[in-house]
Amino acid sequence: MKKQVIHKCIALTLCVLMMSGCSENVIPTNTGNPPEDVIAFTMPGEEEEHEGTWLQWPHPYEYGPSTPVRYDPIWVAMAKALHTGEKVHIVAYDQNEQSRITQLLREADVDMNQIDFLIERTEDVWVRDNGPIFVRDENNN
């Protein structure tokens, strides 16, 4: 019983220390203006103008050999719809996947000047869950 009380006291102390250590330069969420010494960043909305869209291409290494057969047509259609108005940044599992994706896109008449690749081993197709996130400062940088 005494050990449980000690553990609870330690846990409570650690929580208080962590919370107090995080309080510097934090923008309160209930005010409209941040303190002068803090740079405020915002994440643009999905509907706002943007330079490009990131697609993380499905591959057979995580979900099995039928994955490309099931999902390639959908990702090709997305890239084809997007490439006429913006860049399409594709995360490919490896060089072999990049070559395979490139062939698919060329066969679909996608302008490869609008496509670029990042080679990265991934475990999912939802780039929103693990991909890059961009924010803007108050000067729109």
N, C-alpha and C. Protein backbone atom coordinates (compact mmCIF):
# COMPACT_ATOMS: atom_id res chain seq x y z
N MET A 1 0.82 -1.19 0.00
CA MET A 1 0.00 0.00 0.00
C MET A 1 0.87 1.25 0.00
N LYS A 2 1.93 1.24 0.81
CA LYS A 2 2.80 2.40 0.90
C LYS A 2 3.49 2.67 -0.44
N LYS A 3 3.88 1.58 -1.15
CA LYS A 3 4.53 1.73 -2.47
C LYS A 3 3.58 2.39 -3.46
N GLN A 4 2.30 2.00 -3.43
CA GLN A 4 1.33 2.59 -4.36
C GLN A 4 1.18 4.09 -4.13
N VAL A 5 1.16 4.50 -2.89
CA VAL A 5 1.05 5.92 -2.56
C VAL A 5 2.28 6.66 -3.06
N ILE A 6 3.46 6.09 -2.84
CA ILE A 6 4.70 6.72 -3.30
C ILE A 6 4.69 6.84 -4.82
N HIS A 7 4.29 5.76 -5.52
CA HIS A 7 4.24 5.79 -6.98
C HIS A 7 3.27 6.86 -7.48
N LYS A 8 2.11 6.98 -6.82
CA LYS A 8 1.14 8.00 -7.22
C LYS A 8 1.70 9.40 -7.00
N CYS A 9 2.42 9.59 -5.89
CA CYS A 9 3.02 10.90 -5.60
C CYS A 9 4.09 11.24 -6.64
N ILE A 10 4.90 10.27 -7.01
CA ILE A 10 5.94 10.49 -8.02
C ILE A 10 5.29 10.83 -9.36
N ALA A 11 4.26 10.08 -9.73
CA ALA A 11 3.58 10.32 -11.00
C ALA A 11 2.95 11.71 -11.02
N LEU A 12 2.31 12.09 -9.92
CA LEU A 12 1.70 13.41 -9.83
C LEU A 12 2.74 14.51 -9.91
N THR A 13 3.87 14.33 -9.23
CA THR A 13 4.96 15.31 -9.26
C THR A 13 5.50 15.45 -10.67
N LEU A 14 5.71 14.33 -11.36
CA LEU A 14 6.21 14.38 -12.73
C LEU A 14 5.23 15.10 -13.65
N CYS A 15 3.95 14.85 -13.49
CA CYS A 15 2.95 15.54 -14.32
C CYS A 15 3.00 17.05 -14.10
N VAL A 16 3.08 17.45 -12.83
CA VAL A 16 3.12 18.88 -12.52
C VAL A 16 4.38 19.50 -13.11
N LEU A 17 5.53 18.82 -12.97
CA LEU A 17 6.78 19.34 -13.52
C LEU A 17 6.71 19.46 -15.04
N MET A 18 6.17 18.44 -15.69
CA MET A 18 6.07 18.48 -17.15
C MET A 18 5.15 19.61 -17.59
N MET A 19 4.03 19.77 -16.92
CA MET A 19 3.09 20.81 -17.30
C MET A 19 3.68 22.20 -17.06
N SER A 20 4.38 22.37 -15.97
CA SER A 20 4.96 23.69 -15.70
C SER A 20 6.12 23.97 -16.64
N GLY A 21 6.84 22.95 -17.06
CA GLY A 21 7.95 23.12 -17.99
C GLY A 21 7.48 23.46 -19.38
N CYS A 22 6.25 23.15 -19.70
CA CYS A 22 5.71 23.42 -21.03
C CYS A 22 5.04 24.77 -21.13
N SER A 23 4.98 25.51 -20.05
CA SER A 23 4.18 26.73 -20.08
C SER A 23 4.87 27.92 -20.73
N GLU A 24 6.18 27.90 -20.92
CA GLU A 24 6.87 29.03 -21.52
C GLU A 24 6.58 29.10 -23.01
N ASN A 25 6.34 30.30 -23.51
CA ASN A 25 6.12 30.57 -24.93
C ASN A 25 5.00 29.76 -25.56
N VAL A 26 4.03 29.39 -24.78
CA VAL A 26 2.88 28.68 -25.31
C VAL A 26 1.79 29.71 -25.57
N ILE A 27 1.18 29.61 -26.73
CA ILE A 27 0.11 30.54 -27.08
C ILE A 27 -1.17 30.04 -26.44
N PRO A 28 -1.79 30.84 -25.59
CA PRO A 28 -3.07 30.42 -25.01
C PRO A 28 -4.10 30.27 -26.12
N THR A 29 -4.89 29.23 -26.05
CA THR A 29 -5.86 28.99 -27.12
C THR A 29 -7.11 29.84 -26.97
N ASN A 30 -7.27 30.52 -25.84
CA ASN A 30 -8.48 31.29 -25.64
C ASN A 30 -8.31 32.78 -25.92
N THR A 31 -7.17 33.18 -26.48
CA THR A 31 -6.97 34.58 -26.83
C THR A 31 -6.72 34.70 -28.31
N GLY A 32 -6.95 35.88 -28.85
CA GLY A 32 -6.80 36.08 -30.28
C GLY A 32 -5.39 36.41 -30.71
N ASN A 33 -4.57 36.97 -29.83
CA ASN A 33 -3.24 37.42 -30.21
C ASN A 33 -2.17 36.74 -29.36
N PRO A 34 -1.13 36.21 -30.03
CA PRO A 34 -0.05 35.58 -29.27
C PRO A 34 0.84 36.64 -28.63
N PRO A 35 1.59 36.28 -27.60
CA PRO A 35 2.57 37.21 -27.04
C PRO A 35 3.56 37.64 -28.11
N GLU A 36 4.16 38.82 -27.96
CA GLU A 36 5.05 39.36 -28.99
C GLU A 36 6.28 38.50 -29.25
N ASP A 37 6.77 37.77 -28.27
CA ASP A 37 7.99 36.99 -28.44
C ASP A 37 7.73 35.59 -29.00
N VAL A 38 6.52 35.32 -29.43
CA VAL A 38 6.15 34.01 -29.95
C VAL A 38 5.78 34.15 -31.42
N ILE A 39 6.32 33.27 -32.24
CA ILE A 39 5.95 33.23 -33.66
C ILE A 39 4.77 32.27 -33.78
N ALA A 40 3.69 32.76 -34.32
CA ALA A 40 2.49 31.94 -34.48
C ALA A 40 2.51 31.27 -35.86
N PHE A 41 2.18 30.01 -35.90
CA PHE A 41 2.07 29.25 -37.13
C PHE A 41 0.66 28.73 -37.29
N THR A 42 0.21 28.67 -38.52
CA THR A 42 -1.09 28.07 -38.80
C THR A 42 -0.94 27.04 -39.90
N MET A 43 -1.78 26.03 -39.84
CA MET A 43 -1.79 25.02 -40.89
C MET A 43 -2.87 25.42 -41.89
N PRO A 44 -2.48 25.57 -43.16
CA PRO A 44 -3.47 25.95 -44.17
C PRO A 44 -4.57 24.89 -44.28
N GLY A 45 -5.76 25.34 -44.61
CA GLY A 45 -6.86 24.41 -44.82
C GLY A 45 -6.67 23.63 -46.11
N GLU A 46 -7.25 22.47 -46.18
CA GLU A 46 -7.11 21.62 -47.37
C GLU A 46 -7.64 22.28 -48.63
N GLU A 47 -8.60 23.18 -48.47
CA GLU A 47 -9.21 23.83 -49.64
C GLU A 47 -8.42 25.04 -50.12
N GLU A 48 -7.41 25.47 -49.35
CA GLU A 48 -6.64 26.65 -49.75
C GLU A 48 -5.70 26.33 -50.91
N GLU A 49 -5.31 27.39 -51.63
CA GLU A 49 -4.37 27.23 -52.73
C GLU A 49 -3.08 26.61 -52.20
N HIS A 50 -2.52 25.70 -52.99
CA HIS A 50 -1.30 25.02 -52.57
C HIS A 50 -0.48 24.62 -53.78
N GLU A 51 0.78 24.32 -53.53
CA GLU A 51 1.73 24.01 -54.59
C GLU A 51 1.54 22.60 -55.13
N GLY A 52 1.16 21.66 -54.28
CA GLY A 52 1.05 20.28 -54.72
C GLY A 52 0.36 19.41 -53.70
N THR A 53 0.17 18.17 -54.11
CA THR A 53 -0.45 17.16 -53.25
C THR A 53 0.50 15.98 -53.11
N TRP A 54 0.56 15.45 -51.91
CA TRP A 54 1.38 14.27 -51.63
C TRP A 54 0.52 13.02 -51.69
N LEU A 55 1.00 12.01 -52.43
CA LEU A 55 0.37 10.70 -52.47
C LEU A 55 1.38 9.66 -52.01
N GLN A 56 0.98 8.81 -51.13
CA GLN A 56 1.83 7.71 -50.68
C GLN A 56 1.32 6.46 -51.38
N TRP A 57 2.12 5.93 -52.30
CA TRP A 57 1.64 4.89 -53.20
C TRP A 57 1.56 3.53 -52.50
N PRO A 58 0.45 2.82 -52.69
CA PRO A 58 0.32 1.47 -52.11
C PRO A 58 1.36 0.53 -52.71
N HIS A 59 1.87 -0.35 -51.88
CA HIS A 59 2.89 -1.30 -52.33
C HIS A 59 2.61 -2.68 -51.76
N PRO A 60 3.20 -3.71 -52.35
CA PRO A 60 2.90 -5.08 -51.91
C PRO A 60 3.65 -5.53 -50.67
N TYR A 61 4.57 -4.72 -50.15
CA TYR A 61 5.45 -5.18 -49.07
C TYR A 61 4.77 -5.22 -47.72
N GLU A 62 3.70 -4.47 -47.56
CA GLU A 62 3.00 -4.44 -46.27
C GLU A 62 1.72 -5.27 -46.30
N TYR A 63 0.94 -5.14 -47.37
CA TYR A 63 -0.38 -5.77 -47.41
C TYR A 63 -0.51 -6.91 -48.42
N GLY A 64 0.60 -7.30 -49.03
CA GLY A 64 0.58 -8.45 -49.91
C GLY A 64 0.55 -8.12 -51.39
N PRO A 65 0.78 -9.15 -52.21
CA PRO A 65 0.94 -8.95 -53.65
C PRO A 65 -0.29 -8.43 -54.38
N SER A 66 -1.48 -8.58 -53.82
CA SER A 66 -2.67 -8.09 -54.52
C SER A 66 -2.89 -6.59 -54.33
N THR A 67 -2.11 -5.96 -53.46
CA THR A 67 -2.30 -4.53 -53.17
C THR A 67 -2.22 -3.67 -54.42
N PRO A 68 -1.16 -3.77 -55.24
CA PRO A 68 -1.12 -2.92 -56.45
C PRO A 68 -2.29 -3.16 -57.40
N VAL A 69 -2.71 -4.39 -57.54
CA VAL A 69 -3.82 -4.72 -58.43
C VAL A 69 -5.09 -4.01 -57.96
N ARG A 70 -5.30 -3.98 -56.65
CA ARG A 70 -6.50 -3.37 -56.08
C ARG A 70 -6.44 -1.85 -56.08
N TYR A 71 -5.27 -1.27 -55.80
CA TYR A 71 -5.21 0.16 -55.54
C TYR A 71 -4.54 1.01 -56.62
N ASP A 72 -3.71 0.43 -57.46
CA ASP A 72 -3.04 1.22 -58.50
C ASP A 72 -4.01 2.05 -59.33
N PRO A 73 -5.12 1.48 -59.80
CA PRO A 73 -6.03 2.30 -60.62
C PRO A 73 -6.54 3.55 -59.89
N ILE A 74 -6.75 3.45 -58.60
CA ILE A 74 -7.25 4.59 -57.83
C ILE A 74 -6.16 5.66 -57.72
N TRP A 75 -4.93 5.24 -57.40
CA TRP A 75 -3.84 6.20 -57.25
C TRP A 75 -3.45 6.82 -58.60
N VAL A 76 -3.51 6.04 -59.67
CA VAL A 76 -3.27 6.60 -61.00
C VAL A 76 -4.33 7.65 -61.31
N ALA A 77 -5.59 7.35 -61.02
CA ALA A 77 -6.67 8.31 -61.28
C ALA A 77 -6.47 9.59 -60.47
N MET A 78 -6.03 9.47 -59.21
CA MET A 78 -5.78 10.67 -58.41
C MET A 78 -4.65 11.49 -59.01
N ALA A 79 -3.55 10.84 -59.36
CA ALA A 79 -2.41 11.55 -59.94
C ALA A 79 -2.81 12.20 -61.25
N LYS A 80 -3.58 11.50 -62.06
CA LYS A 80 -4.01 12.05 -63.35
C LYS A 80 -4.91 13.26 -63.15
N ALA A 81 -5.80 13.22 -62.18
CA ALA A 81 -6.70 14.35 -61.92
C ALA A 81 -5.93 15.54 -61.35
N LEU A 82 -4.93 15.29 -60.55
CA LEU A 82 -4.20 16.36 -59.88
C LEU A 82 -3.13 17.02 -60.75
N HIS A 83 -2.48 16.26 -61.61
CA HIS A 83 -1.26 16.74 -62.28
C HIS A 83 -1.49 17.91 -63.22
N THR A 84 -2.73 18.13 -63.65
CA THR A 84 -2.97 19.23 -64.58
C THR A 84 -3.01 20.59 -63.90
N GLY A 85 -3.17 20.61 -62.58
CA GLY A 85 -3.26 21.88 -61.89
C GLY A 85 -2.24 22.11 -60.80
N GLU A 86 -1.46 21.08 -60.49
CA GLU A 86 -0.48 21.21 -59.42
C GLU A 86 0.53 20.07 -59.49
N LYS A 87 1.58 20.22 -58.71
CA LYS A 87 2.59 19.16 -58.61
C LYS A 87 1.99 17.98 -57.84
N VAL A 88 2.47 16.80 -58.16
CA VAL A 88 2.09 15.60 -57.41
C VAL A 88 3.38 15.00 -56.88
N HIS A 89 3.48 14.98 -55.57
CA HIS A 89 4.66 14.43 -54.88
C HIS A 89 4.30 13.02 -54.44
N ILE A 90 5.03 12.05 -54.95
CA ILE A 90 4.69 10.65 -54.68
C ILE A 90 5.76 10.03 -53.80
N VAL A 91 5.30 9.43 -52.71
CA VAL A 91 6.19 8.66 -51.84
C VAL A 91 6.14 7.22 -52.34
N ALA A 92 7.29 6.74 -52.81
CA ALA A 92 7.41 5.37 -53.31
C ALA A 92 8.28 4.57 -52.35
N TYR A 93 7.94 3.32 -52.17
CA TYR A 93 8.63 2.46 -51.21
C TYR A 93 10.11 2.31 -51.51
N ASP A 94 10.45 2.13 -52.78
CA ASP A 94 11.85 1.96 -53.19
C ASP A 94 11.98 2.28 -54.68
N GLN A 95 13.18 2.14 -55.21
CA GLN A 95 13.43 2.45 -56.64
C GLN A 95 12.60 1.57 -57.56
N ASN A 96 12.43 0.30 -57.21
CA ASN A 96 11.61 -0.59 -58.04
C ASN A 96 10.17 -0.09 -58.12
N GLU A 97 9.64 0.33 -56.99
CA GLU A 97 8.28 0.86 -56.98
C GLU A 97 8.20 2.16 -57.77
N GLN A 98 9.21 3.01 -57.66
CA GLN A 98 9.21 4.25 -58.44
C GLN A 98 9.16 3.94 -59.93
N SER A 99 9.95 2.98 -60.37
CA SER A 99 9.94 2.61 -61.80
C SER A 99 8.57 2.07 -62.21
N ARG A 100 7.98 1.24 -61.37
CA ARG A 100 6.68 0.67 -61.67
C ARG A 100 5.61 1.76 -61.74
N ILE A 101 5.63 2.69 -60.78
CA ILE A 101 4.67 3.79 -60.75
C ILE A 101 4.86 4.70 -61.96
N THR A 102 6.11 5.00 -62.30
CA THR A 102 6.40 5.84 -63.45
C THR A 102 5.80 5.24 -64.72
N GLN A 103 5.96 3.94 -64.90
CA GLN A 103 5.40 3.27 -66.07
C GLN A 103 3.87 3.38 -66.09
N LEU A 104 3.25 3.17 -64.93
CA LEU A 104 1.78 3.30 -64.85
C LEU A 104 1.31 4.70 -65.23
N LEU A 105 2.01 5.71 -64.72
CA LEU A 105 1.62 7.09 -65.00
C LEU A 105 1.84 7.46 -66.46
N ARG A 106 2.94 7.00 -67.02
CA ARG A 106 3.18 7.28 -68.45
C ARG A 106 2.12 6.63 -69.32
N GLU A 107 1.73 5.40 -68.96
CA GLU A 107 0.67 4.71 -69.72
C GLU A 107 -0.66 5.46 -69.62
N ALA A 108 -0.85 6.22 -68.54
CA ALA A 108 -2.08 6.99 -68.35
C ALA A 108 -1.95 8.41 -68.88
N ASP A 109 -0.87 8.71 -69.60
CA ASP A 109 -0.62 10.03 -70.17
C ASP A 109 -0.53 11.14 -69.13
N VAL A 110 0.10 10.83 -68.00
CA VAL A 110 0.34 11.84 -66.98
C VAL A 110 1.64 12.56 -67.33
N ASP A 111 1.63 13.88 -67.27
CA ASP A 111 2.81 14.69 -67.54
C ASP A 111 3.82 14.49 -66.41
N MET A 112 4.89 13.79 -66.70
CA MET A 112 5.87 13.45 -65.66
C MET A 112 6.65 14.67 -65.17
N ASN A 113 6.55 15.80 -65.87
CA ASN A 113 7.16 17.03 -65.36
C ASN A 113 6.42 17.56 -64.13
N GLN A 114 5.21 17.10 -63.93
CA GLN A 114 4.41 17.50 -62.77
C GLN A 114 4.53 16.53 -61.60
N ILE A 115 5.34 15.50 -61.78
CA ILE A 115 5.48 14.44 -60.78
C ILE A 115 6.89 14.45 -60.23
N ASP A 116 7.02 14.31 -58.92
CA ASP A 116 8.32 14.01 -58.35
C ASP A 116 8.17 12.92 -57.29
N PHE A 117 9.28 12.35 -56.92
CA PHE A 117 9.25 11.19 -56.03
C PHE A 117 10.11 11.41 -54.80
N LEU A 118 9.65 10.84 -53.72
CA LEU A 118 10.44 10.67 -52.50
C LEU A 118 10.47 9.18 -52.24
N ILE A 119 11.66 8.63 -52.16
CA ILE A 119 11.80 7.20 -51.87
C ILE A 119 11.86 7.04 -50.35
N GLU A 120 10.89 6.33 -49.83
CA GLU A 120 10.82 6.12 -48.38
C GLU A 120 10.03 4.85 -48.10
N ARG A 121 10.57 4.00 -47.27
CA ARG A 121 9.84 2.79 -46.89
C ARG A 121 8.69 3.18 -45.97
N THR A 122 7.51 2.75 -46.35
CA THR A 122 6.31 3.11 -45.62
C THR A 122 5.54 1.86 -45.23
N GLU A 123 4.64 2.02 -44.29
CA GLU A 123 3.81 0.90 -43.84
C GLU A 123 2.33 1.17 -44.03
N ASP A 124 2.00 2.26 -44.70
CA ASP A 124 0.61 2.62 -44.88
C ASP A 124 0.48 3.48 -46.13
N VAL A 125 -0.73 3.67 -46.60
CA VAL A 125 -0.95 4.50 -47.79
C VAL A 125 -1.46 5.88 -47.45
N TRP A 126 -1.84 6.10 -46.22
CA TRP A 126 -2.44 7.38 -45.84
C TRP A 126 -1.35 8.36 -45.45
N VAL A 127 -0.86 9.12 -46.43
CA VAL A 127 0.23 10.06 -46.21
C VAL A 127 -0.15 11.09 -45.15
N ARG A 128 -1.40 11.34 -45.00
CA ARG A 128 -1.85 12.31 -44.00
C ARG A 128 -1.52 11.87 -42.58
N ASP A 129 -1.39 10.55 -42.38
CA ASP A 129 -1.06 10.02 -41.06
C ASP A 129 0.42 10.11 -40.72
N ASN A 130 1.29 10.16 -41.73
CA ASN A 130 2.72 10.12 -41.43
C ASN A 130 3.58 10.97 -42.36
N GLY A 131 2.97 11.74 -43.22
CA GLY A 131 3.73 12.52 -44.18
C GLY A 131 4.06 13.91 -43.68
N PRO A 132 4.62 14.72 -44.56
CA PRO A 132 5.00 16.08 -44.18
C PRO A 132 3.78 16.95 -43.88
N ILE A 133 3.97 17.84 -42.94
CA ILE A 133 2.94 18.81 -42.59
C ILE A 133 3.56 20.18 -42.77
N PHE A 134 2.84 21.08 -43.42
CA PHE A 134 3.35 22.41 -43.69
C PHE A 134 2.53 23.43 -42.94
N VAL A 135 3.21 24.42 -42.40
CA VAL A 135 2.55 25.51 -41.69
C VAL A 135 3.06 26.84 -42.23
N ARG A 136 2.32 27.91 -41.95
CA ARG A 136 2.71 29.26 -42.36
C ARG A 136 2.87 30.13 -41.13
N ASP A 137 3.85 31.06 -41.22
CA ASP A 137 3.96 32.04 -40.14
C ASP A 137 3.08 33.25 -40.48
N GLU A 138 3.13 34.29 -39.64
CA GLU A 138 2.25 35.43 -39.85
C GLU A 138 2.59 36.22 -41.11
N ASN A 139 3.78 35.98 -41.72
CA ASN A 139 4.16 36.63 -42.97
C ASN A 139 3.87 35.75 -44.18
N ASN A 140 3.12 34.68 -43.96
CA ASN A 140 2.73 33.74 -45.01
C ASN A 140 3.90 32.93 -45.58
N ASN A 141 4.99 32.84 -44.82
CA ASN A 141 6.13 32.00 -45.22
C ASN A 141 5.90 30.57 -44.78
